[in-house]
Amino acid sequence: MAAQKRTAPDTVSDVTRWAGFCCVLVPVVLVWCGTSLAGAISTALGLAAVTIACGALLRQSQRGAARLRAEEIAPHRGRHSRTGAGAHRGGRHSGGNTPVD
């Protein structure tokens, strides 16, 4: 059987969608409970601003986590990375332990 790649659910979109729903629901409830329309609209705008900011931060965090996972899968071979035990050590030694004058 071939291994199937599981796709992770897009939790950021789910959270943003629920937050958008709340941005609509909260002002409706506020008006229903007797708050002024201006107060309900300002509340909706404030909730929308917070939702947009949090969505952007969640997306940035998600990209950072994906980048870290990608680096764990394929480790970075920097300047000091070695491919094997003692491979490509510096100097002009052709072999042996002959002292240099």
Protein backbone atom coordinates (compact mmCIF):
# COMPACT_ATOMS: atom_id res chain seq x y z
CA MET A 1 0.00 0.00 0.00
CA ALA A 2 1.22 3.45 -0.81
CA ALA A 3 1.52 5.85 2.08
CA GLN A 4 -1.14 8.52 1.86
CA LYS A 5 -0.23 12.03 2.82
CA ARG A 6 -2.65 13.43 5.36
CA THR A 7 -3.52 17.05 4.94
CA ALA A 8 -3.75 18.98 8.17
CA PRO A 9 -7.00 20.85 8.72
CA ASP A 10 -6.76 24.57 8.15
CA THR A 11 -7.36 25.58 11.76
CA VAL A 12 -6.48 29.23 11.13
CA SER A 13 -9.33 29.55 8.63
CA ASP A 14 -11.69 27.79 11.04
CA VAL A 15 -10.78 30.15 13.87
CA THR A 16 -11.06 33.18 11.61
CA ARG A 17 -14.44 32.02 10.32
CA TRP A 18 -15.81 31.58 13.85
CA ALA A 19 -14.41 34.96 14.86
CA GLY A 20 -16.12 36.54 11.86
CA PHE A 21 -19.37 34.90 12.88
CA CYS A 22 -18.96 36.37 16.37
CA CYS A 23 -18.26 39.81 14.85
CA VAL A 24 -21.74 39.61 13.36
CA LEU A 25 -23.47 37.87 16.25
CA VAL A 26 -22.27 40.08 19.11
CA PRO A 27 -23.63 43.38 17.72
CA VAL A 28 -26.97 41.71 16.94
CA VAL A 29 -27.22 40.49 20.53
CA LEU A 30 -26.15 43.91 21.84
CA VAL A 31 -28.88 45.68 19.84
CA TRP A 32 -31.41 43.05 20.92
CA CYS A 33 -30.49 43.66 24.57
CA GLY A 34 -30.96 47.42 24.21
CA THR A 35 -27.53 48.81 23.37
CA SER A 36 -27.46 51.69 20.90
CA LEU A 37 -26.82 50.95 17.25
CA ALA A 38 -23.69 53.14 17.30
CA GLY A 39 -22.29 51.18 20.25
CA ALA A 40 -23.01 47.88 18.53
CA ILE A 41 -21.34 49.05 15.30
CA SER A 42 -18.25 50.26 17.14
CA THR A 43 -18.08 46.93 18.96
CA ALA A 44 -18.32 45.11 15.63
CA LEU A 45 -15.50 47.22 14.18
CA GLY A 46 -13.31 46.61 17.23
CA LEU A 47 -13.94 42.86 17.07
CA ALA A 48 -13.19 42.85 13.34
CA ALA A 49 -9.88 44.66 13.92
CA VAL A 50 -8.87 42.17 16.61
CA THR A 51 -9.93 39.26 14.38
CA ILE A 52 -7.84 40.51 11.47
CA ALA A 53 -4.78 41.08 13.67
CA CYS A 54 -5.08 37.66 15.31
CA GLY A 55 -5.59 35.97 11.94
CA ALA A 56 -2.43 37.59 10.61
CA LEU A 57 -0.46 36.52 13.69
CA LEU A 58 -1.79 32.96 13.43
CA ARG A 59 -0.83 32.74 9.75
CA GLN A 60 2.68 34.04 10.55
CA SER A 61 3.02 31.50 13.34
CA GLN A 62 1.82 28.74 11.04
CA ARG A 63 4.40 29.68 8.40
CA GLY A 64 7.15 29.70 11.04
CA ALA A 65 6.13 26.27 12.32
CA ALA A 66 6.07 24.89 8.76
CA ARG A 67 9.55 26.32 8.17
CA LEU A 68 10.84 24.62 11.33
CA ARG A 69 9.29 21.29 10.31
CA ALA A 70 10.89 21.59 6.88
CA GLU A 71 14.30 22.22 8.46
CA GLU A 72 13.90 19.18 10.71
CA ILE A 73 13.13 16.97 7.71
CA ALA A 74 16.03 18.31 5.60
CA PRO A 75 18.68 19.60 8.00
CA HIS A 76 20.62 22.67 6.97
CA ARG A 77 24.15 21.95 5.80
CA GLY A 78 25.98 25.05 6.90
CA ARG A 79 29.63 25.91 6.71
CA HIS A 80 30.66 23.64 9.56
CA SER A 81 28.45 20.66 8.75
CA ARG A 82 30.34 17.46 8.11
CA THR A 83 29.19 14.71 5.79
CA GLY A 84 31.11 11.96 7.55
CA ALA A 85 33.52 11.26 10.37
CA GLY A 86 36.54 13.45 9.67
CA ALA A 87 35.71 14.01 6.03
CA HIS A 88 37.19 17.03 4.30
CA ARG A 89 39.22 18.29 7.21
CA GLY A 90 41.38 21.30 6.39
CA GLY A 91 45.07 21.27 5.59
CA ARG A 92 47.24 19.63 2.92
CA HIS A 93 47.91 16.36 4.65
CA SER A 94 47.99 13.44 2.26
CA GLY A 95 47.84 10.91 5.04
CA GLY A 96 49.79 9.57 7.95
CA ASN A 97 51.10 11.37 10.99
CA THR A 98 54.31 12.87 9.64
CA PRO A 99 55.48 15.95 11.54
CA VAL A 100 55.80 19.20 9.65
CA ASP A 101 59.07 21.19 10.09
